[in-house]
Amino acid sequence: MIKNIIFDMGNVLLSYNPDVCLNRFVQDEEDRAIIRKELFEGPEWVEGDLGLITDAERFDGVSRRVPPRLHGALRSCTLEWMMCMKPVPGAKEFTEYVKEAGYRIYVLSNASTSFYDYFPGFAPLDYFDGVVVSCDVHVVKPDIRIYEHLLKTCGLNPEECFFIDDMEANVEGAKKAGIAGAVFRGSFEEMKGLIG
């Protein structure tokens, strides 16, 4: 019997779309592609999510792979990328629905320390029964250890949990830890049907 709903944050609760800041700070399409690849898809992004470097420190590594003429735009994107983190339509209503239905709710997110700056704009941390962020435990999904950490620290039985993430690999990681789950493709109504 499902008693606990575990939410990914990005593109489940808050929209993560780097194009928002890329379009704001970078005029040329080819230049946007360079910064997208080197910043948002580069190794420093994962290092931030692992808690090894701060958002500001990402600039140092990425700037070595980006032409100097783009350093101003790169710095703006590095420091202000979280402008894109707006609530997914229907997300707050869905979390309220599951809470009112008697489920306990948790967040399990790959995110840097800036999570604590922007996430309270969605809901206070204590709105949830538990929150695990990868930067704090130095492990990222889909590594089984981050799911096991959530289960252990929150005292959860995996058979009583249901995990919602927008990435199939992360849902598969949860399943390896014994947690049922589903890939979120934009429909909270679909999720309601899956959790009962």
Protein backbone atom coordinates (compact mmCIF):
# COMPACT_ATOMS: atom_id res chain seq x y z
CA MET A 1 0.00 0.00 0.00
CA ILE A 2 1.40 3.38 -1.02
CA LYS A 3 1.75 5.80 1.90
CA ASN A 4 4.52 8.12 0.67
CA ILE A 5 4.86 10.15 -2.52
CA ILE A 6 8.40 11.20 -3.43
CA PHE A 7 8.75 14.07 -5.89
CA ASP A 8 11.62 15.02 -8.11
CA MET A 9 11.88 18.81 -8.20
CA GLY A 10 12.96 19.82 -11.70
CA ASN A 11 10.20 19.61 -14.31
CA VAL A 12 7.85 18.00 -11.80
CA LEU A 13 7.40 20.71 -9.17
CA LEU A 14 9.42 23.55 -10.76
CA SER A 15 10.09 24.06 -14.46
CA TYR A 16 13.77 23.75 -15.34
CA ASN A 17 14.33 25.39 -18.72
CA PRO A 18 17.78 26.92 -19.33
CA ASP A 19 16.46 28.59 -22.49
CA VAL A 20 14.79 31.19 -20.27
CA CYS A 21 18.10 32.70 -19.19
CA LEU A 22 19.92 31.84 -22.43
CA ASN A 23 17.35 33.81 -24.42
CA ARG A 24 17.64 36.71 -22.01
CA PHE A 25 21.41 37.03 -21.89
CA VAL A 26 22.66 35.59 -25.20
CA GLN A 27 21.53 37.20 -28.47
CA ASP A 28 23.02 34.82 -31.04
CA GLU A 29 21.64 31.30 -31.52
CA GLU A 30 25.06 29.74 -32.06
CA ASP A 31 26.38 31.46 -28.93
CA ARG A 32 23.39 30.15 -26.97
CA ALA A 33 24.24 26.64 -28.16
CA ILE A 34 27.84 27.04 -26.92
CA ILE A 35 26.81 28.18 -23.45
CA ARG A 36 24.03 25.59 -23.22
CA LYS A 37 26.51 22.80 -24.01
CA GLU A 38 29.35 23.99 -21.81
CA LEU A 39 27.39 25.27 -18.80
CA PHE A 40 24.16 23.30 -18.57
CA GLU A 41 25.46 20.07 -20.07
CA GLY A 42 29.08 20.29 -18.89
CA PRO A 43 30.80 18.52 -15.99
CA GLU A 44 30.55 21.57 -13.72
CA TRP A 45 26.76 21.24 -13.66
CA VAL A 46 27.04 17.76 -12.16
CA GLU A 47 29.81 18.94 -9.80
CA GLY A 48 27.39 21.59 -8.52
CA ASP A 49 24.66 19.01 -8.03
CA LEU A 50 27.19 16.87 -6.14
CA GLY A 51 27.91 19.81 -3.84
CA LEU A 52 31.55 19.98 -4.91
CA ILE A 53 31.37 23.55 -6.25
CA THR A 54 28.98 26.49 -5.92
CA ASP A 55 26.98 28.00 -8.77
CA ALA A 56 29.43 30.91 -8.90
CA GLU A 57 32.41 28.53 -9.06
CA ARG A 58 30.97 26.85 -12.14
CA PHE A 59 32.05 29.91 -14.12
CA ASP A 60 35.76 29.24 -13.59
CA GLY A 61 35.77 25.85 -15.27
CA VAL A 62 33.25 26.62 -17.99
CA SER A 63 34.93 29.90 -18.97
CA ARG A 64 38.02 27.98 -20.08
CA ARG A 65 35.93 26.30 -22.80
CA VAL A 66 33.97 29.39 -23.90
CA PRO A 67 35.32 32.27 -26.04
CA PRO A 68 36.22 35.33 -23.93
CA ARG A 69 33.66 37.43 -25.84
CA LEU A 70 30.94 35.31 -24.21
CA HIS A 71 32.23 35.52 -20.65
CA GLY A 72 29.83 38.31 -19.66
CA ALA A 73 26.81 36.36 -20.87
CA LEU A 74 28.22 33.18 -19.37
CA ARG A 75 28.61 34.83 -15.97
CA SER A 76 25.02 36.12 -16.12
CA CYS A 77 23.72 32.66 -16.99
CA THR A 78 25.87 31.06 -14.29
CA LEU A 79 24.58 33.36 -11.56
CA GLU A 80 20.99 33.91 -12.67
CA TRP A 81 19.95 30.64 -14.34
CA MET A 82 17.40 29.98 -11.57
CA MET A 83 15.15 32.68 -13.05
CA CYS A 84 13.62 29.80 -14.99
CA MET A 85 12.55 27.91 -11.87
CA LYS A 86 8.82 28.62 -11.84
CA PRO A 87 6.11 26.25 -10.56
CA VAL A 88 4.93 23.62 -13.03
CA PRO A 89 1.22 24.31 -13.71
CA GLY A 90 -0.85 22.17 -11.38
CA ALA A 91 2.08 21.07 -9.21
CA LYS A 92 1.08 22.90 -6.05
CA GLU A 93 -2.51 21.74 -6.40
CA PHE A 94 -1.32 18.15 -6.84
CA THR A 95 0.89 18.26 -3.74
CA GLU A 96 -2.07 19.62 -1.79
CA TYR A 97 -4.26 16.85 -3.20
CA VAL A 98 -1.92 14.07 -2.08
CA LYS A 99 -1.40 15.64 1.35
CA GLU A 100 -5.16 15.91 1.87
CA ALA A 101 -5.53 12.31 0.73
CA GLY A 102 -3.32 11.29 3.65
CA TYR A 103 -0.03 10.61 1.90
CA ARG A 104 3.24 11.87 3.31
CA ILE A 105 5.25 13.81 0.73
CA TYR A 106 8.98 14.06 0.11
CA VAL A 107 11.37 15.74 -2.32
CA LEU A 108 14.39 13.97 -3.81
CA SER A 109 16.29 16.30 -6.11
CA ASN A 110 19.55 16.57 -8.00
CA ALA A 111 20.38 20.20 -7.30
CA SER A 112 23.13 22.57 -6.20
CA THR A 113 23.04 24.57 -2.98
CA SER A 114 21.01 27.30 -4.73
CA PHE A 115 18.03 24.93 -4.29
CA TYR A 116 17.61 26.50 -0.87
CA ASP A 117 17.32 29.97 -2.43
CA TYR A 118 14.65 29.28 -5.06
CA PHE A 119 12.71 26.25 -3.81
CA PRO A 120 10.96 28.04 -0.90
CA GLY A 121 9.25 30.10 -3.62
CA PHE A 122 7.30 26.92 -4.37
CA ALA A 123 6.69 25.86 -0.77
CA PRO A 124 8.46 26.05 2.60
CA LEU A 125 10.74 23.08 3.19
CA ASP A 126 8.65 22.03 6.19
CA TYR A 127 5.61 21.72 3.92
CA PHE A 128 7.19 18.37 3.02
CA ASP A 129 7.78 15.47 5.39
CA GLY A 130 11.37 15.23 4.18
CA VAL A 131 13.70 16.80 1.61
CA VAL A 132 16.91 15.26 0.25
CA VAL A 133 19.07 17.32 -2.11
CA SER A 134 22.02 15.75 -3.90
CA CYS A 135 24.45 18.56 -3.01
CA ASP A 136 24.05 17.69 0.67
CA VAL A 137 24.77 13.96 0.30
CA HIS A 138 27.26 14.17 -2.62
CA VAL A 139 25.36 11.58 -4.64
CA VAL A 140 23.08 12.17 -7.64
CA LYS A 141 20.21 10.19 -9.09
CA PRO A 142 20.06 7.57 -10.50
CA ASP A 143 22.74 6.26 -8.09
CA ILE A 144 20.91 3.84 -5.80
CA ARG A 145 22.65 5.33 -2.75
CA ILE A 146 20.62 8.55 -2.86
CA TYR A 147 17.33 6.64 -2.75
CA GLU A 148 18.65 4.48 0.08
CA HIS A 149 19.70 7.64 1.94
CA LEU A 150 16.17 9.04 1.69
CA LEU A 151 14.64 5.78 2.87
CA LYS A 152 17.04 5.49 5.82
CA THR A 153 16.98 9.10 7.01
CA CYS A 154 13.19 9.40 6.71
CA GLY A 155 12.47 5.91 8.06
CA LEU A 156 10.55 4.82 4.97
CA ASN A 157 9.62 1.36 3.74
CA PRO A 158 10.35 1.25 -0.01
CA GLU A 159 7.25 -0.85 -0.70
CA GLU A 160 5.14 2.02 0.67
CA CYS A 161 6.71 4.67 -1.59
CA PHE A 162 5.92 5.99 -5.05
CA PHE A 163 8.46 8.15 -6.90
CA ILE A 164 7.62 10.74 -9.59
CA ASP A 165 10.45 12.02 -11.83
CA ASP A 166 10.60 13.41 -15.36
CA MET A 167 13.58 11.23 -16.28
CA GLU A 168 13.17 7.52 -16.93
CA ALA A 169 16.69 6.70 -15.70
CA ASN A 170 15.86 8.21 -12.30
CA VAL A 171 12.64 6.22 -12.01
CA GLU A 172 14.60 3.07 -12.88
CA GLY A 173 17.11 3.97 -10.16
CA ALA A 174 14.27 4.19 -7.66
CA LYS A 175 12.98 0.79 -8.73
CA LYS A 176 16.42 -0.72 -8.03
CA ALA A 177 15.95 0.54 -4.46
CA GLY A 178 12.55 -1.16 -4.29
CA ILE A 179 10.52 2.01 -4.87
CA ALA A 180 7.69 1.99 -7.41
CA GLY A 181 7.44 5.01 -9.65
CA ALA A 182 6.44 6.63 -12.89
CA VAL A 183 7.86 9.07 -15.40
CA PHE A 184 6.06 12.41 -15.24
CA ARG A 185 5.14 13.63 -18.73
CA GLY A 186 3.10 16.66 -17.76
CA SER A 187 -0.14 15.11 -16.53
CA PHE A 188 -0.92 15.16 -12.81
CA GLU A 189 -4.22 13.48 -13.61
CA GLU A 190 -2.22 10.50 -14.85
CA MET A 191 -0.28 10.48 -11.57
CA LYS A 192 -3.54 10.52 -9.58
CA GLY A 193 -4.62 7.40 -11.44
CA LEU A 194 -1.33 5.62 -10.72
CA ILE A 195 -1.24 6.27 -6.98
CA GLY A 196 -4.93 5.54 -6.50
